[in-house]
Structure formats: structure tokens, C-alpha cells
Protein backbone atom coordinates (compact mmCIF):
# COMPACT_ATOMS: atom_id res chain seq x y z
CA MET A 1 -70.51 215.99 50.58
CA LYS A 2 -68.58 212.71 50.91
CA LYS A 3 -65.35 214.63 51.49
CA LEU A 4 -67.07 216.43 54.36
CA HIS A 5 -68.03 213.06 55.86
CA ILE A 6 -64.46 211.81 55.49
CA ALA A 7 -63.07 214.94 57.10
CA ALA A 8 -65.56 214.65 59.96
CA ALA A 9 -64.72 210.99 60.48
CA LEU A 10 -60.99 211.70 60.51
CA ALA A 11 -61.48 214.61 62.91
CA ALA A 12 -63.51 212.40 65.21
CA ALA A 13 -60.86 209.71 65.03
CA ILE A 14 -58.18 212.19 65.95
CA THR A 15 -60.26 213.41 68.87
CA ILE A 16 -61.21 209.94 70.08
CA GLY A 17 -58.16 207.89 69.22
CA GLY A 18 -55.41 210.29 68.23
CA CYS A 19 -53.55 209.80 71.48
CA ALA A 20 -53.52 206.04 71.23
CA SER A 21 -50.22 204.88 69.88
CA GLY A 22 -47.97 201.90 69.69
CA GLY A 23 -44.65 201.42 68.00
CA GLY A 24 -44.58 205.11 67.13
CA SER A 25 -47.73 204.83 65.03
CA SER A 26 -50.70 207.01 65.82
CA VAL A 27 -54.21 205.78 65.19
CA SER A 28 -55.16 208.77 63.06
CA SER A 29 -52.03 208.44 60.90
CA ILE A 30 -52.84 204.81 60.20
CA GLN A 31 -56.46 205.64 59.39
CA GLN A 32 -55.36 208.34 56.96
CA ALA A 33 -52.79 206.03 55.35
CA ALA A 34 -55.42 203.31 54.83
CA VAL A 35 -57.84 205.79 53.26
CA ILE A 36 -55.11 206.98 50.90
CA ALA A 37 -53.89 203.46 50.10
CA CYS A 38 -57.19 201.69 49.44
CA GLY A 39 -60.12 203.96 50.30
CA PHE A 40 -60.96 202.11 53.52
CA LEU A 41 -61.39 203.95 56.83
CA PRO A 42 -60.86 201.54 59.73
CA THR A 43 -62.40 202.46 63.07
CA ALA A 44 -60.10 203.96 65.68
CA LYS A 45 -60.78 200.98 67.95
CA THR A 46 -59.76 198.53 65.23
CA VAL A 47 -56.45 200.33 64.70
CA ALA A 48 -55.80 200.62 68.44
CA ASP A 49 -56.52 196.91 68.89
CA ILE A 50 -54.10 196.00 66.08
CA LEU A 51 -51.39 198.11 67.70
CA ALA A 52 -52.15 196.61 71.11
CA ALA A 53 -51.77 193.10 69.68
CA GLY A 54 -48.04 193.80 69.60
CA ASN A 55 -47.26 192.05 66.32
CA ALA A 56 -43.86 193.42 65.22
CA LEU A 57 -44.77 192.86 61.56
CA VAL A 58 -47.61 195.38 61.81
CA SER A 59 -46.18 198.13 63.97
CA THR A 60 -45.51 201.01 61.56
CA VAL A 61 -48.05 203.27 59.88
CA ASP A 62 -47.40 201.83 56.43
CA ALA A 63 -47.33 198.22 57.62
CA VAL A 64 -50.62 198.48 59.50
CA ALA A 65 -52.36 200.38 56.68
CA SER A 66 -51.08 197.85 54.11
CA ALA A 67 -52.21 194.91 56.22
CA ILE A 68 -55.68 196.44 56.65
CA CYS A 69 -55.95 197.10 52.91
CA ALA A 70 -54.83 193.57 52.10
CA ALA A 71 -57.38 192.12 54.53
CA VAL A 72 -60.37 194.11 53.31
CA GLY A 73 -59.35 193.86 49.67
CA THR A 74 -59.56 190.09 49.39
CA LYS A 75 -62.27 188.67 47.17
CA ASN A 76 -63.56 186.58 50.03
CA ALA A 77 -63.99 189.60 52.35
CA ARG A 78 -65.58 191.75 49.66
CA ARG A 79 -68.16 189.10 48.88
CA GLY A 80 -69.08 188.66 52.50
CA GLY A 81 -67.37 185.28 52.63
CA GLY A 82 -64.81 185.80 55.35
CA VAL A 83 -64.09 188.11 58.20
CA PRO A 84 -61.06 190.28 57.43
CA THR A 85 -58.51 190.26 60.24
CA VAL A 86 -55.05 191.65 60.98
CA ALA A 87 -53.00 190.26 63.87
CA GLY A 88 -56.11 188.42 65.05
CA VAL A 89 -58.19 191.62 65.15
CA VAL A 90 -61.42 191.77 63.14
CA ILE A 91 -61.36 194.79 60.83
CA HIS A 92 -64.26 197.22 61.26
CA GLY A 93 -64.73 200.36 59.19
CA LYS A 94 -66.07 201.44 55.83
CA PHE A 95 -64.99 202.17 52.31
CA VAL A 96 -64.90 205.86 51.45
CA ASN A 97 -64.34 207.79 48.24
């Protein structure tokens, strides 16, 4: 059942944000890479905002996904202590299995 939810979320992201790109990185590709890397599905808006920030250090699929995973994987963020951000963008999304 959870896989169905993940597939539906990814399909929705492709439909809603699949055309948004920056630096050659599509929103849906970054979302999929983050899910694979750390089990976190960022919202399409979060990814688009990170790309729009124009930070050259987070402009490829792997770099953005890694930065998102690093931000949401910190002890402080997991315990509700801090707001995870990448390139000044607050990370929104959810952990998936």
C-alpha cells in the first residue's frame, strides 16, 4: 500500500512539477533521487525553489538530493529542533518507505 502512495506522489509530482527545471535537473528526478538516497520525498515546490535559488553548489540531481538528505537527516531536524534548509529554502516533504 505504501508503494502505491509513493508511486501516486511521484506521478503527481511529475504532473505538477515535472516541467520545472534548472541547471538541467528536473524536479521529479531530484525527488526520485532523494527517495532512493534517504527515503525522503521533498515536495515539488521545495525542489523548484531550491533550483530557483540559483546556488551553483546545488544544481545537479545528485547534489540537490544529497543536500536535501543531509538537511533532513540531521539529529536536530529529526528531533524537531531546527528547520532543515538547503540554499535558504525550508525543506517540506515526508519520509517514505
